[in-house]
Amino acid sequence: MRRSRRGGKPYIFPISFVVVFGLLLGGILFTLRGRLWAGYWLATSIALSGLLVFVHFVGLSSGAAETPSVIARSYPDNIRRILALIDLFGLFAVFAVLALQAVRTRLHSGRW
């Protein structure tokens, strides 16, 4: 199977990977220690959603965005295309739920 080159630059993936997992794992660690609260998770969900929008809809330069159509064309069969798009929009859903849960936690605990 030969996949076409996606729109994103190859050096962006490692940077995104470190940022995303640094925010999530660092947040989990500090939340378990009682140092972070709902405000951190709200800011993190907004930042990661912004990163997703930038990478998949804006891009660094013209034509560099990894749009859903670019993602779908990079797979040879429909099942993989559908799963890749479910994955992309599932990430948006997860970050939306994270933001909503952060607001709910703030309302119940009174702490940001």
PDB file of N, CA and C in Angstrom:
ATOM      1  N   MET A   1       0.838  -1.177   0.000  1.00  0.00           N
ATOM      2  CA  MET A   1       0.000   0.000   0.000  1.00  0.00           C
ATOM      3  C   MET A   1       0.888   1.246   0.000  1.00  0.00           C
ATOM      4  N   ARG A   2       0.622   2.128  -0.886  1.00  0.00           N
ATOM      5  CA  ARG A   2       1.390   3.368  -0.979  1.00  0.00           C
ATOM      6  C   ARG A   2       0.478   4.524  -0.607  1.00  0.00           C
ATOM      7  N   ARG A   3       0.831   5.232   0.452  1.00  0.00           N
ATOM      8  CA  ARG A   3       0.043   6.375   0.887  1.00  0.00           C
ATOM      9  C   ARG A   3       0.641   7.646   0.314  1.00  0.00           C
ATOM     10  N   SER A   4      -0.245   8.547  -0.071  1.00  0.00           N
ATOM     11  CA  SER A   4       0.244   9.825  -0.564  1.00  0.00           C
ATOM     12  C   SER A   4       0.760  10.657   0.605  1.00  0.00           C
ATOM     13  N   ARG A   5       1.627  11.594   0.302  1.00  0.00           N
ATOM     14  CA  ARG A   5       2.163  12.474   1.339  1.00  0.00           C
ATOM     15  C   ARG A   5       1.054  13.380   1.826  1.00  0.00           C
ATOM     16  N   ARG A   6       0.866  13.404   3.115  1.00  0.00           N
ATOM     17  CA  ARG A   6      -0.166  14.252   3.686  1.00  0.00           C
ATOM     18  C   ARG A   6       0.295  15.704   3.673  1.00  0.00           C
ATOM     19  N   GLY A   7      -0.656  16.607   3.928  1.00  0.00           N
ATOM     20  CA  GLY A   7      -0.383  18.026   3.854  1.00  0.00           C
ATOM     21  C   GLY A   7       0.558  18.541   4.926  1.00  0.00           C
ATOM     22  N   GLY A   8       0.569  17.912   6.097  1.00  0.00           N
ATOM     23  CA  GLY A   8       1.375  18.410   7.201  1.00  0.00           C
ATOM     24  C   GLY A   8       2.862  18.219   6.978  1.00  0.00           C
ATOM     25  N   LYS A   9       3.648  19.064   7.586  1.00  0.00           N
ATOM     26  CA  LYS A   9       5.102  18.935   7.488  1.00  0.00           C
ATOM     27  C   LYS A   9       5.575  17.818   8.412  1.00  0.00           C
ATOM     28  N   PRO A  10       6.611  17.071   8.048  1.00  0.00           N
ATOM     29  CA  PRO A  10       7.040  15.928   8.860  1.00  0.00           C
ATOM     30  C   PRO A  10       7.569  16.300  10.234  1.00  0.00           C
ATOM     31  N   TYR A  11       8.075  17.514  10.419  1.00  0.00           N
ATOM     32  CA  TYR A  11       8.618  17.884  11.715  1.00  0.00           C
ATOM     33  C   TYR A  11       7.530  18.344  12.686  1.00  0.00           C
ATOM     34  N   ILE A  12       6.323  18.543  12.222  1.00  0.00           N
ATOM     35  CA  ILE A  12       5.245  19.002  13.107  1.00  0.00           C
ATOM     36  C   ILE A  12       4.774  17.870  14.010  1.00  0.00           C
ATOM     37  N   PHE A  13       4.743  16.632  13.513  1.00  0.00           N
ATOM     38  CA  PHE A  13       4.233  15.529  14.319  1.00  0.00           C
ATOM     39  C   PHE A  13       4.976  15.366  15.640  1.00  0.00           C
ATOM     40  N   PRO A  14       6.307  15.298  15.672  1.00  0.00           N
ATOM     41  CA  PRO A  14       6.976  15.135  16.970  1.00  0.00           C
ATOM     42  C   PRO A  14       6.717  16.299  17.919  1.00  0.00           C
ATOM     43  N   ILE A  15       6.656  17.517  17.383  1.00  0.00           N
ATOM     44  CA  ILE A  15       6.389  18.674  18.224  1.00  0.00           C
ATOM     45  C   ILE A  15       4.982  18.576  18.804  1.00  0.00           C
ATOM     46  N   SER A  16       3.996  18.261  17.970  1.00  0.00           N
ATOM     47  CA  SER A  16       2.617  18.126  18.442  1.00  0.00           C
ATOM     48  C   SER A  16       2.504  17.016  19.473  1.00  0.00           C
ATOM     49  N   PHE A  17       3.184  15.910  19.204  1.00  0.00           N
ATOM     50  CA  PHE A  17       3.146  14.765  20.107  1.00  0.00           C
ATOM     51  C   PHE A  17       3.652  15.159  21.493  1.00  0.00           C
ATOM     52  N   VAL A  18       4.762  15.853  21.553  1.00  0.00           N
ATOM     53  CA  VAL A  18       5.339  16.275  22.833  1.00  0.00           C
ATOM     54  C   VAL A  18       4.424  17.279  23.534  1.00  0.00           C
ATOM     55  N   VAL A  19       3.879  18.224  22.784  1.00  0.00           N
ATOM     56  CA  VAL A  19       2.991  19.224  23.384  1.00  0.00           C
ATOM     57  C   VAL A  19       1.730  18.574  23.938  1.00  0.00           C
ATOM     58  N   VAL A  20       1.081  17.745  23.134  1.00  0.00           N
ATOM     59  CA  VAL A  20      -0.174  17.121  23.550  1.00  0.00           C
ATOM     60  C   VAL A  20       0.040  16.230  24.765  1.00  0.00           C
ATOM     61  N   PHE A  21       0.988  15.329  24.682  1.00  0.00           N
ATOM     62  CA  PHE A  21       1.183  14.420  25.804  1.00  0.00           C
ATOM     63  C   PHE A  21       1.796  15.110  27.012  1.00  0.00           C
ATOM     64  N   GLY A  22       2.573  16.148  26.787  1.00  0.00           N
ATOM     65  CA  GLY A  22       3.090  16.932  27.913  1.00  0.00           C
ATOM     66  C   GLY A  22       1.959  17.600  28.670  1.00  0.00           C
ATOM     67  N   LEU A  23       1.031  18.190  27.947  1.00  0.00           N
ATOM     68  CA  LEU A  23      -0.113  18.840  28.587  1.00  0.00           C
ATOM     69  C   LEU A  23      -1.000  17.825  29.300  1.00  0.00           C
ATOM     70  N   LEU A  24      -1.301  16.724  28.628  1.00  0.00           N
ATOM     71  CA  LEU A  24      -2.215  15.750  29.217  1.00  0.00           C
ATOM     72  C   LEU A  24      -1.588  14.992  30.384  1.00  0.00           C
ATOM     73  N   LEU A  25      -0.403  14.454  30.184  1.00  0.00           N
ATOM     74  CA  LEU A  25       0.226  13.681  31.267  1.00  0.00           C
ATOM     75  C   LEU A  25       0.656  14.569  32.432  1.00  0.00           C
ATOM     76  N   GLY A  26       1.178  15.756  32.109  1.00  0.00           N
ATOM     77  CA  GLY A  26       1.517  16.704  33.171  1.00  0.00           C
ATOM     78  C   GLY A  26       0.285  17.116  33.957  1.00  0.00           C
ATOM     79  N   GLY A  27      -0.811  17.350  33.243  1.00  0.00           N
ATOM     80  CA  GLY A  27      -2.062  17.699  33.912  1.00  0.00           C
ATOM     81  C   GLY A  27      -2.581  16.601  34.799  1.00  0.00           C
ATOM     82  N   ILE A  28      -2.499  15.364  34.341  1.00  0.00           N
ATOM     83  CA  ILE A  28      -2.941  14.232  35.166  1.00  0.00           C
ATOM     84  C   ILE A  28      -2.079  14.133  36.423  1.00  0.00           C
ATOM     85  N   LEU A  29      -0.783  14.237  36.251  1.00  0.00           N
ATOM     86  CA  LEU A  29       0.129  14.143  37.396  1.00  0.00           C
ATOM     87  C   LEU A  29      -0.154  15.234  38.424  1.00  0.00           C
ATOM     88  N   PHE A  30      -0.248  16.470  37.988  1.00  0.00           N
ATOM     89  CA  PHE A  30      -0.474  17.571  38.921  1.00  0.00           C
ATOM     90  C   PHE A  30      -1.893  17.572  39.490  1.00  0.00           C
ATOM     91  N   THR A  31      -2.866  17.067  38.734  1.00  0.00           N
ATOM     92  CA  THR A  31      -4.224  16.961  39.271  1.00  0.00           C
ATOM     93  C   THR A  31      -4.270  15.928  40.389  1.00  0.00           C
ATOM     94  N   LEU A  32      -3.579  14.812  40.191  1.00  0.00           N
ATOM     95  CA  LEU A  32      -3.543  13.791  41.241  1.00  0.00           C
ATOM     96  C   LEU A  32      -2.862  14.300  42.509  1.00  0.00           C
ATOM     97  N   ARG A  33      -1.930  15.212  42.352  1.00  0.00           N
ATOM     98  CA  ARG A  33      -1.254  15.800  43.512  1.00  0.00           C
ATOM     99  C   ARG A  33      -2.043  16.965  44.114  1.00  0.00           C
ATOM    100  N   GLY A  34      -3.158  17.329  43.488  1.00  0.00           N
ATOM    101  CA  GLY A  34      -3.997  18.390  44.009  1.00  0.00           C
ATOM    102  C   GLY A  34      -3.527  19.789  43.676  1.00  0.00           C
ATOM    103  N   ARG A  35      -2.698  19.935  42.657  1.00  0.00           N
ATOM    104  CA  ARG A  35      -2.154  21.253  42.308  1.00  0.00           C
ATOM    105  C   ARG A  35      -2.872  21.923  41.150  1.00  0.00           C
ATOM    106  N   LEU A  36      -3.593  21.168  40.347  1.00  0.00           N
ATOM    107  CA  LEU A  36      -4.310  21.734  39.207  1.00  0.00           C
ATOM    108  C   LEU A  36      -5.798  21.449  39.347  1.00  0.00           C
ATOM    109  N   TRP A  37      -6.593  22.361  38.822  1.00  0.00           N
ATOM    110  CA  TRP A  37      -8.033  22.218  38.924  1.00  0.00           C
ATOM    111  C   TRP A  37      -8.675  22.441  37.572  1.00  0.00           C
ATOM    112  N   ALA A  38      -9.937  22.798  37.580  1.00  0.00           N
ATOM    113  CA  ALA A  38     -10.743  22.891  36.360  1.00  0.00           C
ATOM    114  C   ALA A  38     -10.202  23.909  35.357  1.00  0.00           C
ATOM    115  N   GLY A  39      -9.637  25.002  35.833  1.00  0.00           N
ATOM    116  CA  GLY A  39      -9.123  26.026  34.918  1.00  0.00           C
ATOM    117  C   GLY A  39      -8.039  25.497  34.007  1.00  0.00           C
ATOM    118  N   TYR A  40      -7.167  24.655  34.549  1.00  0.00           N
ATOM    119  CA  TYR A  40      -6.106  24.066  33.723  1.00  0.00           C
ATOM    120  C   TYR A  40      -6.706  23.215  32.611  1.00  0.00           C
ATOM    121  N   TRP A  41      -7.686  22.401  32.966  1.00  0.00           N
ATOM    122  CA  TRP A  41      -8.272  21.504  31.978  1.00  0.00           C
ATOM    123  C   TRP A  41      -9.092  22.260  30.944  1.00  0.00           C
ATOM    124  N   LEU A  42      -9.725  23.350  31.353  1.00  0.00           N
ATOM    125  CA  LEU A  42     -10.443  24.174  30.388  1.00  0.00           C
ATOM    126  C   LEU A  42      -9.461  24.815  29.410  1.00  0.00           C
ATOM    127  N   ALA A  43      -8.381  25.378  29.926  1.00  0.00           N
ATOM    128  CA  ALA A  43      -7.365  25.996  29.068  1.00  0.00           C
ATOM    129  C   ALA A  43      -6.716  24.957  28.153  1.00  0.00           C
ATOM    130  N   THR A  44      -6.452  23.764  28.677  1.00  0.00           N
ATOM    131  CA  THR A  44      -5.842  22.700  27.880  1.00  0.00           C
ATOM    132  C   THR A  44      -6.768  22.258  26.761  1.00  0.00           C
ATOM    133  N   SER A  45      -8.048  22.091  27.062  1.00  0.00           N
ATOM    134  CA  SER A  45      -8.985  21.667  26.017  1.00  0.00           C
ATOM    135  C   SER A  45      -9.114  22.721  24.926  1.00  0.00           C
ATOM    136  N   ILE A  46      -9.106  23.988  25.312  1.00  0.00           N
ATOM    137  CA  ILE A  46      -9.176  25.063  24.316  1.00  0.00           C
ATOM    138  C   ILE A  46      -7.897  25.100  23.476  1.00  0.00           C
ATOM    139  N   ALA A  47      -6.742  24.966  24.124  1.00  0.00           N
ATOM    140  CA  ALA A  47      -5.463  24.987  23.400  1.00  0.00           C
ATOM    141  C   ALA A  47      -5.342  23.812  22.434  1.00  0.00           C
ATOM    142  N   LEU A  48      -5.712  22.619  22.875  1.00  0.00           N
ATOM    143  CA  LEU A  48      -5.596  21.449  22.003  1.00  0.00           C
ATOM    144  C   LEU A  48      -6.619  21.496  20.870  1.00  0.00           C
ATOM    145  N   SER A  49      -7.801  22.025  21.140  1.00  0.00           N
ATOM    146  CA  SER A  49      -8.781  22.207  20.062  1.00  0.00           C
ATOM    147  C   SER A  49      -8.259  23.213  19.043  1.00  0.00           C
ATOM    148  N   GLY A  50      -7.627  24.275  19.534  1.00  0.00           N
ATOM    149  CA  GLY A  50      -7.028  25.251  18.633  1.00  0.00           C
ATOM    150  C   GLY A  50      -5.927  24.647  17.784  1.00  0.00           C
ATOM    151  N   LEU A  51      -5.114  23.782  18.395  1.00  0.00           N
ATOM    152  CA  LEU A  51      -4.063  23.089  17.646  1.00  0.00           C
ATOM    153  C   LEU A  51      -4.668  22.209  16.558  1.00  0.00           C
ATOM    154  N   LEU A  52      -5.733  21.494  16.881  1.00  0.00           N
ATOM    155  CA  LEU A  52      -6.399  20.655  15.877  1.00  0.00           C
ATOM    156  C   LEU A  52      -6.952  21.495  14.725  1.00  0.00           C
ATOM    157  N   VAL A  53      -7.608  22.591  15.054  1.00  0.00           N
ATOM    158  CA  VAL A  53      -8.158  23.460  14.011  1.00  0.00           C
ATOM    159  C   VAL A  53      -7.031  24.007  13.141  1.00  0.00           C
ATOM    160  N   PHE A  54      -5.946  24.442  13.754  1.00  0.00           N
ATOM    161  CA  PHE A  54      -4.829  24.994  12.988  1.00  0.00           C
ATOM    162  C   PHE A  54      -4.236  23.951  12.048  1.00  0.00           C
ATOM    163  N   VAL A  55      -3.952  22.776  12.563  1.00  0.00           N
ATOM    164  CA  VAL A  55      -3.293  21.740  11.753  1.00  0.00           C
ATOM    165  C   VAL A  55      -4.218  21.231  10.652  1.00  0.00           C
ATOM    166  N   HIS A  56      -5.500  21.055  10.963  1.00  0.00           N
ATOM    167  CA  HIS A  56      -6.389  20.397  10.013  1.00  0.00           C
ATOM    168  C   HIS A  56      -7.228  21.331   9.159  1.00  0.00           C
ATOM    169  N   PHE A  57      -7.231  22.625   9.453  1.00  0.00           N
ATOM    170  CA  PHE A  57      -8.038  23.531   8.644  1.00  0.00           C
ATOM    171  C   PHE A  57      -7.304  24.786   8.195  1.00  0.00           C
ATOM    172  N   VAL A  58      -6.228  25.194   8.890  1.00  0.00           N
ATOM    173  CA  VAL A  58      -5.523  26.425   8.546  1.00  0.00           C
ATOM    174  C   VAL A  58      -4.182  26.108   7.881  1.00  0.00           C
ATOM    175  N   GLY A  59      -3.285  25.431   8.573  1.00  0.00           N
ATOM    176  CA  GLY A  59      -1.972  25.087   8.032  1.00  0.00           C
ATOM    177  C   GLY A  59      -0.979  26.222   8.132  1.00  0.00           C
ATOM    178  N   LEU A  60       0.300  25.885   7.994  1.00  0.00           N
ATOM    179  CA  LEU A  60       1.364  26.882   8.061  1.00  0.00           C
ATOM    180  C   LEU A  60       1.461  27.718   6.799  1.00  0.00           C
ATOM    181  N   SER A  61       1.146  27.126   5.677  1.00  0.00           N
ATOM    182  CA  SER A  61       1.200  27.850   4.412  1.00  0.00           C
ATOM    183  C   SER A  61       0.060  27.365   3.530  1.00  0.00           C
ATOM    184  N   SER A  62      -0.105  27.974   2.394  1.00  0.00           N
ATOM    185  CA  SER A  62      -1.183  27.613   1.478  1.00  0.00           C
ATOM    186  C   SER A  62      -1.075  26.145   1.071  1.00  0.00           C
ATOM    187  N   GLY A  63      -2.130  25.403   1.263  1.00  0.00           N
ATOM    188  CA  GLY A  63      -2.145  23.995   0.889  1.00  0.00           C
ATOM    189  C   GLY A  63      -1.489  23.065   1.883  1.00  0.00           C
ATOM    190  N   ALA A  64      -1.018  23.582   3.017  1.00  0.00           N
ATOM    191  CA  ALA A  64      -0.320  22.744   3.984  1.00  0.00           C
ATOM    192  C   ALA A  64      -1.251  22.145   5.034  1.00  0.00           C
ATOM    193  N   ALA A  65      -2.493  22.586   5.075  1.00  0.00           N
ATOM    194  CA  ALA A  65      -3.431  22.055   6.062  1.00  0.00           C
ATOM    195  C   ALA A  65      -3.775  20.614   5.718  1.00  0.00           C
ATOM    196  N   GLU A  66      -3.858  19.805   6.740  1.00  0.00           N
ATOM    197  CA  GLU A  66      -4.218  18.401   6.563  1.00  0.00           C
ATOM    198  C   GLU A  66      -5.726  18.279   6.753  1.00  0.00           C
ATOM    199  N   THR A  67      -6.459  18.723   5.746  1.00  0.00           N
ATOM    200  CA  THR A  67      -7.912  18.782   5.811  1.00  0.00           C
ATOM    201  C   THR A  67      -8.508  17.376   5.810  1.00  0.00           C
ATOM    202  N   PRO A  68      -9.776  17.257   6.188  1.00  0.00           N
ATOM    203  CA  PRO A  68     -10.402  15.936   6.125  1.00  0.00           C
ATOM    204  C   PRO A  68     -10.343  15.308   4.733  1.00  0.00           C
ATOM    205  N   SER A  69     -10.433  16.105   3.677  1.00  0.00           N
ATOM    206  CA  SER A  69     -10.342  15.519   2.334  1.00  0.00           C
ATOM    207  C   SER A  69      -8.939  14.990   2.047  1.00  0.00           C
ATOM    208  N   VAL A  70      -7.909  15.674   2.525  1.00  0.00           N
ATOM    209  CA  VAL A  70      -6.532  15.191   2.361  1.00  0.00           C
ATOM    210  C   VAL A  70      -6.351  13.882   3.135  1.00  0.00           C
ATOM    211  N   ILE A  71      -6.883  13.839   4.340  1.00  0.00           N
ATOM    212  CA  ILE A  71      -6.786  12.621   5.139  1.00  0.00           C
ATOM    213  C   ILE A  71      -7.507  11.480   4.439  1.00  0.00           C
ATOM    214  N   ALA A  72      -8.706  11.725   3.953  1.00  0.00           N
ATOM    215  CA  ALA A  72      -9.483  10.667   3.295  1.00  0.00           C
ATOM    216  C   ALA A  72      -8.800  10.164   2.028  1.00  0.00           C
ATOM    217  N   ARG A  73      -8.198  11.059   1.259  1.00  0.00           N
ATOM    218  CA  ARG A  73      -7.532  10.634   0.016  1.00  0.00           C
ATOM    219  C   ARG A  73      -6.256   9.851   0.261  1.00  0.00           C
ATOM    220  N   SER A  74      -5.712   9.918   1.469  1.00  0.00           N
ATOM    221  CA  SER A  74      -4.448   9.238   1.723  1.00  0.00           C
ATOM    222  C   SER A  74      -4.632   7.751   2.023  1.00  0.00           C
ATOM    223  N   TYR A  75      -5.867   7.295   2.098  1.00  0.00           N
ATOM    224  CA  TYR A  75      -6.151   5.877   2.338  1.00  0.00           C
ATOM    225  C   TYR A  75      -6.814   5.273   1.115  1.00  0.00           C
ATOM    226  N   PRO A  76      -6.442   4.024   0.774  1.00  0.00           N
ATOM    227  CA  PRO A  76      -6.954   3.427  -0.454  1.00  0.00           C
ATOM    228  C   PRO A  76      -8.387   2.899  -0.367  1.00  0.00           C
ATOM    229  N   ASP A  77      -8.852   2.547   0.830  1.00  0.00           N
ATOM    230  CA  ASP A  77     -10.197   1.977   0.919  1.00  0.00           C
ATOM    231  C   ASP A  77     -11.092   2.807   1.848  1.00  0.00           C
ATOM    232  N   ASN A  78     -12.379   2.641   1.669  1.00  0.00           N
ATOM    233  CA  ASN A  78     -13.355   3.461   2.391  1.00  0.00           C
ATOM    234  C   ASN A  78     -13.366   3.215   3.893  1.00  0.00           C
ATOM    235  N   ILE A  79     -13.117   2.000   4.322  1.00  0.00           N
ATOM    236  CA  ILE A  79     -13.133   1.702   5.759  1.00  0.00           C
ATOM    237  C   ILE A  79     -12.065   2.524   6.480  1.00  0.00           C
ATOM    238  N   ARG A  80     -10.863   2.536   5.957  1.00  0.00           N
ATOM    239  CA  ARG A  80      -9.793   3.317   6.588  1.00  0.00           C
ATOM    240  C   ARG A  80     -10.063   4.813   6.517  1.00  0.00           C
ATOM    241  N   ARG A  81     -10.635   5.252   5.422  1.00  0.00           N
ATOM    242  CA  ARG A  81     -10.990   6.670   5.312  1.00  0.00           C
ATOM    243  C   ARG A  81     -11.978   7.067   6.398  1.00  0.00           C
ATOM    244  N   ILE A  82     -13.012   6.261   6.555  1.00  0.00           N
ATOM    245  CA  ILE A  82     -14.044   6.544   7.557  1.00  0.00           C
ATOM    246  C   ILE A  82     -13.450   6.510   8.955  1.00  0.00           C
ATOM    247  N   LEU A  83     -12.625   5.498   9.244  1.00  0.00           N
ATOM    248  CA  LEU A  83     -12.017   5.406  10.576  1.00  0.00           C
ATOM    249  C   LEU A  83     -11.094   6.591  10.865  1.00  0.00           C
ATOM    250  N   ALA A  84     -10.360   7.049   9.857  1.00  0.00           N
ATOM    251  CA  ALA A  84      -9.479   8.202  10.056  1.00  0.00           C
ATOM    252  C   ALA A  84     -10.282   9.464  10.341  1.00  0.00           C
ATOM    253  N   LEU A  85     -11.393   9.641   9.653  1.00  0.00           N
ATOM    254  CA  LEU A  85     -12.223  10.818   9.888  1.00  0.00           C
ATOM    255  C   LEU A  85     -12.959  10.736  11.221  1.00  0.00           C
ATOM    256  N   ILE A  86     -13.371   9.524  11.614  1.00  0.00           N
ATOM    257  CA  ILE A  86     -13.966   9.344  12.950  1.00  0.00           C
ATOM    258  C   ILE A  86     -12.945   9.698  14.014  1.00  0.00           C
ATOM    259  N   ASP A  87     -11.705   9.294  13.799  1.00  0.00           N
ATOM    260  CA  ASP A  87     -10.631   9.618  14.737  1.00  0.00           C
ATOM    261  C   ASP A  87     -10.450  11.129  14.861  1.00  0.00           C
ATOM    262  N   LEU A  88     -10.396  11.836  13.739  1.00  0.00           N
ATOM    263  CA  LEU A  88     -10.219  13.284  13.750  1.00  0.00           C
ATOM    264  C   LEU A  88     -11.361  13.980  14.488  1.00  0.00           C
ATOM    265  N   PHE A  89     -12.584  13.685  14.095  1.00  0.00           N
ATOM    266  CA  PHE A  89     -13.717  14.367  14.720  1.00  0.00           C
ATOM    267  C   PHE A  89     -13.984  13.848  16.127  1.00  0.00           C
ATOM    268  N   GLY A  90     -13.537  12.628  16.415  1.00  0.00           N
ATOM    269  CA  GLY A  90     -13.603  12.123  17.787  1.00  0.00           C
ATOM    270  C   GLY A  90     -12.713  12.921  18.722  1.00  0.00           C
ATOM    271  N   LEU A  91     -11.568  13.357  18.223  1.00  0.00           N
ATOM    272  CA  LEU A  91     -10.688  14.206  19.040  1.00  0.00           C
ATOM    273  C   LEU A  91     -11.362  15.536  19.376  1.00  0.00           C
ATOM    274  N   PHE A  92     -12.044  16.115  18.395  1.00  0.00           N
ATOM    275  CA  PHE A  92     -12.797  17.343  18.675  1.00  0.00           C
ATOM    276  C   PHE A  92     -13.854  17.087  19.747  1.00  0.00           C
ATOM    277  N   ALA A  93     -14.537  15.955  19.647  1.00  0.00           N
ATOM    278  CA  ALA A  93     -15.574  15.619  20.631  1.00  0.00           C
ATOM    279  C   ALA A  93     -14.974  15.424  22.017  1.00  0.00           C
ATOM    280  N   VAL A  94     -13.835  14.756  22.098  1.00  0.00           N
ATOM    281  CA  VAL A  94     -13.181  14.532  23.393  1.00  0.00           C
ATOM    282  C   VAL A  94     -12.782  15.853  24.035  1.00  0.00           C
ATOM    283  N   PHE A  95     -12.224  16.769  23.250  1.00  0.00           N
ATOM    284  CA  PHE A  95     -11.816  18.056  23.815  1.00  0.00           C
ATOM    285  C   PHE A  95     -13.025  18.903  24.200  1.00  0.00           C
ATOM    286  N   ALA A  96     -14.134  18.765  23.479  1.00  0.00           N
ATOM    287  CA  ALA A  96     -15.357  19.483  23.853  1.00  0.00           C
ATOM    288  C   ALA A  96     -15.900  18.938  25.176  1.00  0.00           C
ATOM    289  N   VAL A  97     -15.893  17.623  25.336  1.00  0.00           N
ATOM    290  CA  VAL A  97     -16.347  17.014  26.592  1.00  0.00           C
ATOM    291  C   VAL A  97     -15.419  17.421  27.736  1.00  0.00           C
ATOM    292  N   LEU A  98     -14.121  17.473  27.487  1.00  0.00           N
ATOM    293  CA  LEU A  98     -13.164  17.896  28.511  1.00  0.00           C
ATOM    294  C   LEU A  98     -13.458  19.324  28.959  1.00  0.00           C
ATOM    295  N   ALA A  99     -13.746  20.202  28.019  1.00  0.00           N
ATOM    296  CA  ALA A  99     -14.069  21.590  28.367  1.00  0.00           C
ATOM    297  C   ALA A  99     -15.364  21.666  29.163  1.00  0.00           C
ATOM    298  N   LEU A 100     -16.382  20.932  28.736  1.00  0.00           N
ATOM    299  CA  LEU A 100     -17.653  20.936  29.463  1.00  0.00           C
ATOM    300  C   LEU A 100     -17.495  20.368  30.870  1.00  0.00           C
ATOM    301  N   GLN A 101     -16.718  19.323  31.002  1.00  0.00           N
ATOM    302  CA  GLN A 101     -16.491  18.737  32.323  1.00  0.00           C
ATOM    303  C   GLN A 101     -15.707  19.695  33.222  1.00  0.00           C
ATOM    304  N   ALA A 102     -14.782  20.441  32.659  1.00  0.00           N
ATOM    305  CA  ALA A 102     -14.041  21.431  33.439  1.00  0.00           C
ATOM    306  C   ALA A 102     -14.986  22.504  33.966  1.00  0.00           C
ATOM    307  N   VAL A 103     -15.922  22.948  33.139  1.00  0.00           N
ATOM    308  CA  VAL A 103     -16.891  23.953  33.583  1.00  0.00           C
ATOM    309  C   VAL A 103     -17.800  23.367  34.662  1.00  0.00           C
ATOM    310  N   ARG A 104     -18.252  22.129  34.468  1.00  0.00           N
ATOM    311  CA  ARG A 104     -19.081  21.462  35.489  1.00  0.00           C
ATOM    312  C   ARG A 104     -18.334  21.333  36.805  1.00  0.00           C
ATOM    313  N   THR A 105     -17.060  20.961  36.738  1.00  0.00           N
ATOM    314  CA  THR A 105     -16.256  20.812  37.953  1.00  0.00           C
ATOM    315  C   THR A 105     -16.119  22.164  38.650  1.00  0.00           C
ATOM    316  N   ARG A 106     -15.921  23.210  37.879  1.00  0.00           N
ATOM    317  CA  ARG A 106     -15.826  24.549  38.462  1.00  0.00           C
ATOM    318  C   ARG A 106     -17.122  24.931  39.171  1.00  0.00           C
ATOM    319  N   LEU A 107     -18.257  24.626  38.561  1.00  0.00           N
ATOM    320  CA  LEU A 107     -19.531  24.966  39.172  1.00  0.00           C
ATOM    321  C   LEU A 107     -19.776  24.200  40.463  1.00  0.00           C
ATOM    322  N   HIS A 108     -19.337  22.943  40.524  1.00  0.00           N
ATOM    323  CA  HIS A 108     -19.544  22.130  41.724  1.00  0.00           C
ATOM    324  C   HIS A 108     -18.515  22.403  42.823  1.00  0.00           C
ATOM    325  N   SER A 109     -17.275  22.665  42.429  1.00  0.00           N
ATOM    326  CA  SER A 109     -16.220  22.824  43.439  1.00  0.00           C
ATOM    327  C   SER A 109     -15.989  24.271  43.836  1.00  0.00           C
ATOM    328  N   GLY A 110     -16.292  25.187  42.936  1.00  0.00           N
ATOM    329  CA  GLY A 110     -16.042  26.596  43.208  1.00  0.00           C
ATOM    330  C   GLY A 110     -14.585  27.005  42.996  1.00  0.00           C
ATOM    331  N   ARG A 111     -13.776  26.115  42.462  1.00  0.00           N
ATOM    332  CA  ARG A 111     -12.359  26.410  42.208  1.00  0.00           C
ATOM    333  C   ARG A 111     -12.036  26.290  40.739  1.00  0.00           C
ATOM    334  N   TRP A 112     -11.250  27.207  40.260  1.00  0.00           N
ATOM    335  CA  TRP A 112     -10.712  27.083  38.898  1.00  0.00           C
ATOM    336  C   TRP A 112      -9.390  26.402  39.022  1.00  0.00           C
TER     337      TRP A 112
END
